[in-house]
Amino acid sequence: MQAIIPGLYASDPEPLPFAPALDVRAFLLQREPGNLLVYSTSELGSEAEAIEELGGISRQYLNHRHEAGFASEWVTSPLFVHEDEREAVAEKTAVDESFSARHTLDDDFEVVPTPGHTPGATAFLWSSAEHRVLLRATRSIWTTASGSRQCSTSATGPRTSRAWSSSGSSTSTCSCPGPRAAASRTTR
């Protein structure tokens, strides 16, 4: 697992079979009350040793039904999905619990239904001592105590990350090694 910021780890990117230019990744949130896995990849078992060294997985969350196609058989922790996604997800993997409303787990992980792409699409907001991280289907955004913002691929998206400076300019760079690495560019 790749350390993104303290307590946030990303799996290796896995190309989508129907769109090879896009990747899917899973994120492990290392937390005192128990680690959470947000999203999944079918190859997550290859990172089992690293995940166990980080404390394992106490719960798993999916953003929406399409991510069930990448659910790792290696993960045995309870899976949580929005009630509107439960039936479709259950066709591909076991669902342990569902939810239907916005709520907070352990005062640091907020589950935020964001219907649109699918009726039960959900975003997740994690607050650590140093950062706030918004995990949604195509991008993850986090802020630091100083107010700087970062953006990286989430469940699906191209292999890029973006950092904003206080001047409002942004720099886009490839954060994942591989044959599709791109050169840096600055935008406003």
Protein backbone atom coordinates (compact mmCIF):
# COMPACT_ATOMS: atom_id res chain seq x y z
CA MET A 1 0.00 0.00 0.00
CA GLN A 2 1.26 3.45 -0.89
CA ALA A 3 1.23 6.04 1.93
CA ILE A 4 -0.57 9.14 0.62
CA ILE A 5 -0.69 11.17 3.84
CA PRO A 6 -0.38 9.99 7.46
CA GLY A 7 -3.07 7.36 8.00
CA LEU A 8 -4.22 7.19 4.35
CA TYR A 9 -2.93 4.38 2.14
CA ALA A 10 -3.77 3.58 -1.49
CA SER A 11 -3.67 0.22 -3.22
CA ASP A 12 -1.83 -0.27 -6.45
CA PRO A 13 -3.90 1.03 -9.38
CA GLU A 14 -5.78 -1.60 -11.37
CA PRO A 15 -6.88 -0.75 -14.94
CA LEU A 16 -10.59 -0.96 -15.63
CA PRO A 17 -11.23 -3.82 -18.09
CA PHE A 18 -13.67 -1.73 -20.15
CA ALA A 19 -11.59 1.49 -20.04
CA PRO A 20 -7.87 0.66 -19.73
CA ALA A 21 -6.87 4.34 -19.52
CA LEU A 22 -8.70 4.53 -16.16
CA ASP A 23 -7.74 2.83 -12.91
CA VAL A 24 -9.53 1.64 -9.80
CA ARG A 25 -7.88 1.88 -6.36
CA ALA A 26 -8.82 1.07 -2.80
CA PHE A 27 -8.01 3.30 0.18
CA LEU A 28 -7.19 2.15 3.70
CA LEU A 29 -7.90 4.64 6.48
CA GLN A 30 -5.76 3.81 9.51
CA ARG A 31 -7.81 4.71 12.59
CA GLU A 32 -7.63 3.96 16.31
CA PRO A 33 -11.20 2.52 16.46
CA GLY A 34 -10.45 0.22 13.50
CA ASN A 35 -9.18 0.60 9.95
CA LEU A 36 -11.64 1.20 7.13
CA LEU A 37 -11.31 0.11 3.51
CA VAL A 38 -13.02 2.44 1.06
CA TYR A 39 -13.55 0.88 -2.38
CA SER A 40 -11.75 -2.28 -3.43
CA THR A 41 -9.68 -3.87 -6.16
CA SER A 42 -9.81 -7.47 -7.28
CA GLU A 43 -6.04 -7.77 -6.72
CA LEU A 44 -6.12 -6.41 -3.14
CA GLY A 45 -5.05 -9.81 -1.81
CA SER A 46 -1.58 -9.17 -3.20
CA GLU A 47 -1.28 -6.39 -0.60
CA ALA A 48 -2.56 -8.53 2.29
CA GLU A 49 0.70 -8.53 4.24
CA ALA A 50 1.01 -4.73 4.10
CA ILE A 51 -2.64 -4.30 5.10
CA GLU A 52 -2.23 -6.65 8.06
CA GLU A 53 0.93 -4.78 9.16
CA LEU A 54 -1.13 -1.57 9.15
CA GLY A 55 -3.73 -3.15 11.45
CA GLY A 56 -6.03 -5.00 9.05
CA ILE A 57 -9.54 -3.97 8.01
CA SER A 58 -12.48 -3.66 10.42
CA ARG A 59 -15.09 -2.44 7.87
CA GLN A 60 -15.35 -1.89 4.13
CA TYR A 61 -17.45 0.68 2.25
CA LEU A 62 -18.29 0.93 -1.46
CA ASN A 63 -19.35 4.15 -3.18
CA HIS A 64 -21.85 2.50 -5.52
CA ARG A 65 -22.87 -0.77 -7.21
CA HIS A 66 -20.32 -0.72 -10.04
CA GLU A 67 -17.47 -1.08 -7.53
CA ALA A 68 -18.81 -4.50 -6.51
CA GLY A 69 -17.21 -5.88 -9.67
CA PHE A 70 -13.83 -5.16 -8.08
CA ALA A 71 -14.61 -6.48 -4.59
CA SER A 72 -11.69 -8.56 -3.37
CA GLU A 73 -12.49 -12.07 -2.19
CA TRP A 74 -9.58 -11.69 0.22
CA VAL A 75 -11.40 -9.05 2.32
CA THR A 76 -13.58 -10.70 4.96
CA SER A 77 -14.52 -7.65 7.04
CA PRO A 78 -18.17 -6.49 6.99
CA LEU A 79 -19.21 -4.65 3.81
CA PHE A 80 -21.44 -1.57 4.07
CA VAL A 81 -23.32 -0.02 1.14
CA HIS A 82 -26.23 2.37 0.66
CA GLU A 83 -29.61 0.66 0.85
CA ASP A 84 -30.33 1.63 -2.79
CA GLU A 85 -27.17 -0.26 -3.87
CA ARG A 86 -27.61 -3.33 -1.68
CA GLU A 87 -29.48 -5.57 -4.14
CA ALA A 88 -27.14 -4.87 -7.06
CA VAL A 89 -23.99 -5.26 -4.92
CA ALA A 90 -25.33 -8.50 -3.39
CA GLU A 91 -25.42 -10.05 -6.88
CA LYS A 92 -21.59 -9.92 -6.89
CA THR A 93 -20.50 -10.02 -3.23
CA ALA A 94 -21.95 -10.44 0.25
CA VAL A 95 -23.35 -7.27 1.86
CA ASP A 96 -23.36 -7.23 5.66
CA GLU A 97 -25.04 -3.90 6.41
CA SER A 98 -26.69 -1.03 4.56
CA PHE A 99 -27.53 2.56 5.42
CA SER A 100 -29.95 5.10 3.98
CA ALA A 101 -29.00 8.40 5.60
CA ARG A 102 -26.00 10.57 6.30
CA HIS A 103 -24.26 9.54 9.51
CA THR A 104 -20.93 9.56 11.33
CA LEU A 105 -18.92 6.60 12.56
CA ASP A 106 -16.68 7.13 15.63
CA ASP A 107 -16.67 10.94 15.29
CA ASP A 108 -14.15 10.89 12.40
CA PHE A 109 -15.76 9.14 9.40
CA GLU A 110 -18.83 10.67 7.80
CA VAL A 111 -20.97 8.72 5.33
CA VAL A 112 -22.65 11.15 2.90
CA PRO A 113 -25.20 9.85 0.36
CA THR A 114 -24.68 11.67 -2.95
CA PRO A 115 -27.21 10.21 -5.40
CA GLY A 116 -26.50 10.87 -9.05
CA HIS A 117 -24.35 8.34 -10.86
CA THR A 118 -26.51 5.70 -9.14
CA PRO A 119 -29.37 6.22 -6.65
CA GLY A 120 -27.22 5.15 -3.70
CA ALA A 121 -23.87 6.69 -4.62
CA THR A 122 -22.06 7.78 -1.46
CA ALA A 123 -19.09 9.98 -0.57
CA PHE A 124 -17.01 9.56 2.57
CA LEU A 125 -15.41 12.33 4.67
CA TRP A 126 -12.62 11.30 7.04
CA SER A 127 -11.14 13.71 9.56
CA SER A 128 -7.77 12.83 11.05
CA ALA A 129 -5.74 14.99 13.43
CA GLU A 130 -3.92 16.62 10.49
CA HIS A 131 -6.18 16.23 7.45
CA ARG A 132 -9.71 16.07 6.15
CA VAL A 133 -10.16 13.66 3.26
CA LEU A 134 -13.16 13.52 0.93
CA LEU A 135 -13.41 10.19 -0.88
CA ARG A 136 -15.80 10.05 -3.80
CA ALA A 137 -16.00 7.79 -6.83
CA THR A 138 -13.67 9.67 -9.18
CA ARG A 139 -11.46 11.88 -7.00
CA SER A 140 -10.25 12.19 -3.43
CA ILE A 141 -9.52 15.58 -1.93
CA TRP A 142 -7.76 16.32 1.33
CA THR A 143 -6.75 19.43 3.23
CA THR A 144 -3.94 19.95 5.70
CA ALA A 145 -3.91 22.01 8.89
CA SER A 146 -2.24 24.82 6.89
CA GLY A 147 -5.14 24.82 4.42
CA SER A 148 -3.33 23.42 1.39
CA ARG A 149 -5.43 21.04 -0.72
CA GLN A 150 -4.50 17.89 -2.60
CA CYS A 151 -6.40 15.80 -5.09
CA SER A 152 -5.68 12.27 -6.27
CA THR A 153 -7.36 9.46 -8.10
CA SER A 154 -9.95 7.67 -6.06
CA ALA A 155 -12.00 4.68 -7.09
CA THR A 156 -11.65 5.45 -10.79
CA GLY A 157 -9.79 8.05 -12.73
CA PRO A 158 -6.59 8.82 -14.60
CA ARG A 159 -3.28 8.42 -12.80
CA THR A 160 -2.83 12.01 -11.65
CA SER A 161 -2.65 14.01 -8.47
CA ARG A 162 -3.08 17.72 -8.09
CA ALA A 163 -1.78 20.12 -5.45
CA TRP A 164 -3.07 23.67 -5.08
CA SER A 165 -0.95 26.51 -3.83
CA SER A 166 -2.22 29.58 -2.00
CA SER A 167 -1.80 31.59 -5.23
CA GLY A 168 -4.55 29.56 -6.87
CA SER A 169 -2.34 27.84 -9.44
CA SER A 170 -2.24 24.07 -9.55
CA THR A 171 0.30 21.54 -10.66
CA SER A 172 -0.77 18.20 -12.10
CA THR A 173 1.70 15.35 -11.89
CA CYS A 174 1.56 11.61 -12.22
CA SER A 175 1.65 10.07 -8.76
CA CYS A 176 1.61 6.42 -9.82
CA PRO A 177 4.55 4.68 -11.46
CA GLY A 178 3.85 2.88 -14.67
CA PRO A 179 3.95 3.07 -18.44
CA ARG A 180 1.33 5.82 -18.58
CA ALA A 181 3.31 8.32 -16.48
CA ALA A 182 2.84 11.84 -17.78
CA ALA A 183 4.96 14.94 -17.56
CA SER A 184 4.11 17.70 -15.09
CA ARG A 185 2.09 20.67 -16.22
CA THR A 186 0.87 23.79 -14.44
CA THR A 187 -2.63 25.19 -14.87
CA ARG A 188 -4.56 28.13 -13.44
